[in-house]
Amino acid sequence: MTATLPFEPTLTVFMLVKTSREWLGFSVDRRFELLAEHFTPILRKHAAGVALRFFDVEFYSARVTDIWMWDAKDHHAYELLVEDLRVTAFWDRYFDIVEILSGVENAYAKNYDRPTINA
């Protein structure tokens, strides 16, 4: 179940990441300590403009292990988040940032003032 966002996302960014050997070498408890110490404060700092969802994909892909899906209020909110992440060990040390894909949900319908297609 997805929590309700405090904003209407302008864009969604999919970060395809791969865990490093260093990260996997930590115990599960240590990984959660590192997340709480370094990652969670950044999420809280940017919570008014950016929300994160984690997807584990290592079961189905050898190229990436996780997808970090960011919903952002606007481009600037996302850019500020990335600036903060880049100076941590989570960016290209504990996780390799393999690819970044950004998109706008249902832009095809919004651009032509049409209803979205949903299943």
N, C-alpha and C. Protein backbone atom coordinates (compact mmCIF):
# COMPACT_ATOMS: atom_id res chain seq x y z
N MET A 1 0.84 -1.17 0.00
CA MET A 1 0.00 0.00 0.00
C MET A 1 0.89 1.24 0.00
N THR A 2 0.55 2.22 -0.79
CA THR A 2 1.31 3.44 -0.92
C THR A 2 0.72 4.52 -0.02
N ALA A 3 1.59 5.23 0.70
CA ALA A 3 1.14 6.33 1.54
C ALA A 3 0.73 7.50 0.66
N THR A 4 -0.17 8.33 1.17
CA THR A 4 -0.58 9.53 0.46
C THR A 4 0.54 10.55 0.53
N LEU A 5 0.86 11.15 -0.61
CA LEU A 5 1.93 12.14 -0.67
C LEU A 5 1.40 13.50 -0.22
N PRO A 6 2.28 14.31 0.40
CA PRO A 6 1.86 15.66 0.81
C PRO A 6 1.89 16.65 -0.35
N PHE A 7 2.10 16.16 -1.58
CA PHE A 7 2.18 17.02 -2.75
C PHE A 7 1.78 16.22 -3.98
N GLU A 8 1.47 16.92 -5.05
CA GLU A 8 1.19 16.29 -6.34
C GLU A 8 2.52 16.19 -7.10
N PRO A 9 2.99 14.98 -7.42
CA PRO A 9 4.29 14.86 -8.09
C PRO A 9 4.28 15.49 -9.48
N THR A 10 5.34 16.23 -9.78
CA THR A 10 5.56 16.77 -11.11
C THR A 10 6.31 15.77 -11.96
N LEU A 11 7.21 15.03 -11.30
CA LEU A 11 7.97 14.01 -12.01
C LEU A 11 8.24 12.83 -11.10
N THR A 12 8.51 11.71 -11.74
CA THR A 12 8.93 10.51 -11.04
C THR A 12 10.27 10.10 -11.62
N VAL A 13 11.18 9.74 -10.73
CA VAL A 13 12.53 9.36 -11.15
C VAL A 13 12.78 7.94 -10.66
N PHE A 14 13.25 7.11 -11.58
CA PHE A 14 13.62 5.74 -11.25
C PHE A 14 15.13 5.65 -11.27
N MET A 15 15.73 5.41 -10.10
CA MET A 15 17.17 5.20 -10.01
C MET A 15 17.40 3.70 -9.98
N LEU A 16 18.09 3.20 -10.98
CA LEU A 16 18.46 1.80 -11.01
C LEU A 16 19.82 1.69 -10.34
N VAL A 17 19.87 0.94 -9.24
CA VAL A 17 21.09 0.87 -8.45
C VAL A 17 21.51 -0.58 -8.24
N LYS A 18 22.79 -0.75 -7.94
CA LYS A 18 23.33 -2.08 -7.67
C LYS A 18 24.11 -2.01 -6.37
N THR A 19 23.79 -2.92 -5.46
CA THR A 19 24.49 -2.94 -4.18
C THR A 19 25.95 -3.32 -4.39
N SER A 20 26.80 -2.73 -3.58
CA SER A 20 28.23 -3.02 -3.67
C SER A 20 28.58 -4.19 -2.76
N ARG A 21 29.74 -4.77 -2.99
CA ARG A 21 30.23 -5.83 -2.12
C ARG A 21 30.41 -5.31 -0.70
N GLU A 22 30.84 -4.04 -0.58
CA GLU A 22 31.02 -3.45 0.75
C GLU A 22 29.70 -3.44 1.52
N TRP A 23 28.62 -3.01 0.86
CA TRP A 23 27.31 -2.97 1.50
C TRP A 23 26.86 -4.37 1.92
N LEU A 24 27.03 -5.32 1.03
CA LEU A 24 26.62 -6.70 1.34
C LEU A 24 27.48 -7.33 2.42
N GLY A 25 28.68 -6.80 2.62
CA GLY A 25 29.57 -7.30 3.67
C GLY A 25 29.14 -6.89 5.07
N PHE A 26 28.30 -5.87 5.17
CA PHE A 26 27.80 -5.46 6.48
C PHE A 26 26.70 -6.42 6.93
N SER A 27 26.57 -6.58 8.23
CA SER A 27 25.45 -7.36 8.75
C SER A 27 24.16 -6.60 8.46
N VAL A 28 23.05 -7.30 8.50
CA VAL A 28 21.75 -6.66 8.27
C VAL A 28 21.54 -5.55 9.30
N ASP A 29 21.88 -5.82 10.55
CA ASP A 29 21.73 -4.79 11.58
C ASP A 29 22.56 -3.55 11.26
N ARG A 30 23.79 -3.74 10.79
CA ARG A 30 24.65 -2.60 10.46
C ARG A 30 24.08 -1.82 9.27
N ARG A 31 23.53 -2.51 8.29
CA ARG A 31 22.92 -1.82 7.14
C ARG A 31 21.80 -0.90 7.59
N PHE A 32 20.96 -1.40 8.49
CA PHE A 32 19.85 -0.58 8.98
C PHE A 32 20.34 0.57 9.85
N GLU A 33 21.42 0.36 10.58
CA GLU A 33 22.02 1.45 11.35
C GLU A 33 22.52 2.55 10.40
N LEU A 34 23.20 2.16 9.34
CA LEU A 34 23.71 3.13 8.37
C LEU A 34 22.58 3.88 7.67
N LEU A 35 21.53 3.16 7.32
CA LEU A 35 20.36 3.82 6.72
C LEU A 35 19.78 4.85 7.68
N ALA A 36 19.61 4.46 8.94
CA ALA A 36 19.03 5.38 9.93
C ALA A 36 19.94 6.58 10.19
N GLU A 37 21.22 6.36 10.17
CA GLU A 37 22.18 7.42 10.48
C GLU A 37 22.38 8.40 9.33
N HIS A 38 22.40 7.91 8.09
CA HIS A 38 22.77 8.76 6.97
C HIS A 38 21.65 8.99 5.95
N PHE A 39 20.87 7.97 5.66
CA PHE A 39 19.87 8.05 4.59
C PHE A 39 18.57 8.67 5.09
N THR A 40 18.09 8.20 6.23
CA THR A 40 16.81 8.67 6.77
C THR A 40 16.80 10.17 7.03
N PRO A 41 17.87 10.76 7.58
CA PRO A 41 17.84 12.22 7.77
C PRO A 41 17.67 13.00 6.46
N ILE A 42 18.24 12.50 5.39
CA ILE A 42 18.08 13.15 4.08
C ILE A 42 16.63 13.02 3.62
N LEU A 43 16.05 11.85 3.80
CA LEU A 43 14.64 11.67 3.43
C LEU A 43 13.75 12.63 4.22
N ARG A 44 14.01 12.75 5.51
CA ARG A 44 13.21 13.66 6.34
C ARG A 44 13.39 15.11 5.91
N LYS A 45 14.62 15.49 5.63
CA LYS A 45 14.92 16.86 5.21
C LYS A 45 14.14 17.24 3.96
N HIS A 46 13.96 16.30 3.05
CA HIS A 46 13.33 16.58 1.76
C HIS A 46 11.90 16.06 1.65
N ALA A 47 11.31 15.63 2.76
CA ALA A 47 9.99 14.99 2.74
C ALA A 47 8.88 15.88 2.19
N ALA A 48 9.01 17.17 2.31
CA ALA A 48 7.97 18.06 1.79
C ALA A 48 7.95 18.11 0.27
N GLY A 49 9.07 17.69 -0.36
CA GLY A 49 9.14 17.80 -1.81
C GLY A 49 9.49 16.53 -2.55
N VAL A 50 9.91 15.47 -1.81
CA VAL A 50 10.33 14.24 -2.47
C VAL A 50 9.94 13.04 -1.60
N ALA A 51 9.43 12.01 -2.23
CA ALA A 51 9.07 10.77 -1.52
C ALA A 51 9.74 9.59 -2.22
N LEU A 52 10.14 8.59 -1.44
CA LEU A 52 10.87 7.43 -1.95
C LEU A 52 10.09 6.15 -1.74
N ARG A 53 10.18 5.27 -2.75
CA ARG A 53 9.72 3.88 -2.63
C ARG A 53 10.87 3.00 -3.09
N PHE A 54 11.11 1.91 -2.36
CA PHE A 54 12.17 0.95 -2.69
C PHE A 54 11.57 -0.28 -3.36
N PHE A 55 12.25 -0.77 -4.39
CA PHE A 55 11.86 -2.01 -5.05
C PHE A 55 13.09 -2.92 -5.13
N ASP A 56 12.98 -4.13 -4.61
CA ASP A 56 14.06 -5.12 -4.72
C ASP A 56 13.87 -5.86 -6.03
N VAL A 57 14.91 -5.89 -6.86
CA VAL A 57 14.81 -6.57 -8.14
C VAL A 57 15.93 -7.58 -8.35
N GLU A 58 16.77 -7.78 -7.32
CA GLU A 58 17.91 -8.68 -7.49
C GLU A 58 17.49 -10.12 -7.79
N PHE A 59 16.25 -10.44 -7.53
CA PHE A 59 15.74 -11.78 -7.82
C PHE A 59 15.57 -12.00 -9.33
N TYR A 60 15.47 -10.91 -10.09
CA TYR A 60 15.11 -10.98 -11.50
C TYR A 60 16.10 -10.29 -12.44
N SER A 61 17.12 -9.65 -11.89
CA SER A 61 18.06 -8.90 -12.71
C SER A 61 19.47 -9.06 -12.17
N ALA A 62 20.43 -9.21 -13.06
CA ALA A 62 21.83 -9.25 -12.65
C ALA A 62 22.47 -7.87 -12.77
N ARG A 63 21.87 -6.99 -13.57
CA ARG A 63 22.44 -5.67 -13.81
C ARG A 63 22.19 -4.70 -12.65
N VAL A 64 20.99 -4.74 -12.08
CA VAL A 64 20.66 -3.89 -10.94
C VAL A 64 20.03 -4.74 -9.84
N THR A 65 20.15 -4.27 -8.60
CA THR A 65 19.58 -5.02 -7.48
C THR A 65 18.35 -4.34 -6.90
N ASP A 66 18.26 -3.03 -7.11
CA ASP A 66 17.16 -2.26 -6.52
C ASP A 66 16.76 -1.13 -7.45
N ILE A 67 15.52 -0.71 -7.30
CA ILE A 67 15.06 0.50 -7.96
C ILE A 67 14.56 1.43 -6.86
N TRP A 68 15.10 2.64 -6.87
CA TRP A 68 14.63 3.67 -5.96
C TRP A 68 13.72 4.58 -6.78
N MET A 69 12.45 4.61 -6.44
CA MET A 69 11.48 5.42 -7.16
C MET A 69 11.19 6.68 -6.36
N TRP A 70 11.54 7.81 -6.93
CA TRP A 70 11.36 9.11 -6.28
C TRP A 70 10.21 9.85 -6.93
N ASP A 71 9.22 10.23 -6.15
CA ASP A 71 8.19 11.15 -6.62
C ASP A 71 8.61 12.52 -6.12
N ALA A 72 8.63 13.49 -7.01
CA ALA A 72 9.10 14.83 -6.65
C ALA A 72 8.05 15.90 -6.96
N LYS A 73 7.96 16.84 -6.05
CA LYS A 73 7.04 17.97 -6.22
C LYS A 73 7.44 18.80 -7.44
N ASP A 74 8.76 18.93 -7.65
CA ASP A 74 9.26 19.67 -8.81
C ASP A 74 10.72 19.26 -9.04
N HIS A 75 11.28 19.73 -10.12
CA HIS A 75 12.65 19.37 -10.47
C HIS A 75 13.65 19.85 -9.43
N HIS A 76 13.43 21.05 -8.90
CA HIS A 76 14.37 21.60 -7.93
C HIS A 76 14.41 20.77 -6.66
N ALA A 77 13.27 20.31 -6.18
CA ALA A 77 13.22 19.46 -4.98
C ALA A 77 14.04 18.19 -5.20
N TYR A 78 13.88 17.59 -6.37
CA TYR A 78 14.65 16.39 -6.70
C TYR A 78 16.15 16.69 -6.78
N GLU A 79 16.51 17.80 -7.42
CA GLU A 79 17.92 18.17 -7.55
C GLU A 79 18.58 18.38 -6.19
N LEU A 80 17.87 19.02 -5.27
CA LEU A 80 18.42 19.25 -3.93
C LEU A 80 18.63 17.93 -3.19
N LEU A 81 17.70 17.00 -3.35
CA LEU A 81 17.86 15.67 -2.76
C LEU A 81 19.12 15.00 -3.29
N VAL A 82 19.30 15.01 -4.61
CA VAL A 82 20.46 14.37 -5.21
C VAL A 82 21.76 15.02 -4.73
N GLU A 83 21.76 16.33 -4.60
CA GLU A 83 22.96 17.00 -4.08
C GLU A 83 23.33 16.46 -2.71
N ASP A 84 22.34 16.24 -1.86
CA ASP A 84 22.61 15.71 -0.52
C ASP A 84 23.05 14.24 -0.57
N LEU A 85 22.43 13.45 -1.43
CA LEU A 85 22.80 12.03 -1.53
C LEU A 85 24.21 11.84 -2.07
N ARG A 86 24.61 12.68 -3.00
CA ARG A 86 25.91 12.52 -3.67
C ARG A 86 27.10 12.64 -2.72
N VAL A 87 26.92 13.30 -1.59
CA VAL A 87 28.03 13.46 -0.65
C VAL A 87 28.01 12.40 0.44
N THR A 88 27.21 11.36 0.25
CA THR A 88 27.18 10.25 1.20
C THR A 88 27.80 9.01 0.56
N ALA A 89 28.06 8.02 1.39
CA ALA A 89 28.59 6.75 0.90
C ALA A 89 27.52 5.93 0.15
N PHE A 90 26.28 6.36 0.21
CA PHE A 90 25.22 5.63 -0.49
C PHE A 90 25.27 5.87 -1.99
N TRP A 91 25.95 6.93 -2.41
CA TRP A 91 26.03 7.28 -3.83
C TRP A 91 27.37 6.79 -4.37
N ASP A 92 27.35 5.75 -5.15
CA ASP A 92 28.52 5.19 -5.83
C ASP A 92 29.59 4.63 -4.90
N ARG A 93 29.21 4.25 -3.69
CA ARG A 93 30.10 3.46 -2.83
C ARG A 93 29.34 2.24 -2.33
N TYR A 94 28.31 2.48 -1.52
CA TYR A 94 27.47 1.36 -1.07
C TYR A 94 26.56 0.88 -2.19
N PHE A 95 26.16 1.80 -3.05
CA PHE A 95 25.32 1.47 -4.20
C PHE A 95 25.91 2.14 -5.43
N ASP A 96 26.01 1.40 -6.52
CA ASP A 96 26.38 1.99 -7.80
C ASP A 96 25.11 2.52 -8.43
N ILE A 97 25.14 3.77 -8.84
CA ILE A 97 24.00 4.35 -9.54
C ILE A 97 24.16 3.96 -11.01
N VAL A 98 23.40 2.97 -11.45
CA VAL A 98 23.56 2.40 -12.78
C VAL A 98 22.90 3.27 -13.85
N GLU A 99 21.69 3.72 -13.56
CA GLU A 99 20.95 4.52 -14.54
C GLU A 99 19.89 5.33 -13.82
N ILE A 100 19.59 6.49 -14.35
CA ILE A 100 18.53 7.34 -13.81
C ILE A 100 17.55 7.63 -14.94
N LEU A 101 16.30 7.27 -14.72
CA LEU A 101 15.23 7.49 -15.71
C LEU A 101 14.17 8.37 -15.07
N SER A 102 13.86 9.48 -15.70
CA SER A 102 12.81 10.35 -15.15
C SER A 102 11.64 10.38 -16.12
N GLY A 103 10.47 10.57 -15.55
CA GLY A 103 9.28 10.61 -16.37
C GLY A 103 8.15 11.35 -15.69
N VAL A 104 7.12 11.61 -16.47
CA VAL A 104 5.93 12.29 -15.98
C VAL A 104 4.77 11.33 -16.14
N GLU A 105 4.13 11.01 -15.04
CA GLU A 105 3.03 10.05 -15.10
C GLU A 105 1.86 10.60 -15.90
N ASN A 106 1.41 9.80 -16.84
CA ASN A 106 0.24 10.11 -17.67
C ASN A 106 0.37 11.41 -18.47
N ALA A 107 1.58 11.78 -18.82
CA ALA A 107 1.78 13.01 -19.60
C ALA A 107 1.05 12.94 -20.93
N TYR A 108 1.00 11.77 -21.54
CA TYR A 108 0.33 11.61 -22.83
C TYR A 108 -1.13 12.07 -22.74
N ALA A 109 -1.80 11.75 -21.66
CA ALA A 109 -3.20 12.14 -21.50
C ALA A 109 -3.32 13.61 -21.10
N LYS A 110 -2.48 14.04 -20.18
CA LYS A 110 -2.53 15.44 -19.73
C LYS A 110 -2.24 16.41 -20.88
N ASN A 111 -1.29 16.06 -21.73
CA ASN A 111 -0.90 16.95 -22.83
C ASN A 111 -2.01 17.14 -23.86
N TYR A 112 -2.88 16.16 -23.96
CA TYR A 112 -3.97 16.24 -24.93
C TYR A 112 -5.35 16.38 -24.27
N ASP A 113 -5.32 16.66 -22.94
CA ASP A 113 -6.56 16.83 -22.19
C ASP A 113 -7.49 15.64 -22.39
N ARG A 114 -6.93 14.46 -22.21
CA ARG A 114 -7.68 13.20 -22.36
C ARG A 114 -7.66 12.43 -21.05
N PRO A 115 -8.61 11.54 -20.86
CA PRO A 115 -8.57 10.69 -19.66
C PRO A 115 -7.41 9.69 -19.74
N THR A 116 -6.90 9.33 -18.59
CA THR A 116 -5.83 8.33 -18.56
C THR A 116 -6.41 6.95 -18.83
N ILE A 117 -5.55 6.08 -19.32
CA ILE A 117 -5.94 4.69 -19.55
C ILE A 117 -5.47 3.89 -18.36
N ASN A 118 -6.42 3.28 -17.68
CA ASN A 118 -6.10 2.49 -16.49
C ASN A 118 -6.72 1.11 -16.59
N ALA A 119 -6.09 0.16 -15.91
CA ALA A 119 -6.65 -1.18 -15.90
C ALA A 119 -7.23 -1.46 -14.54
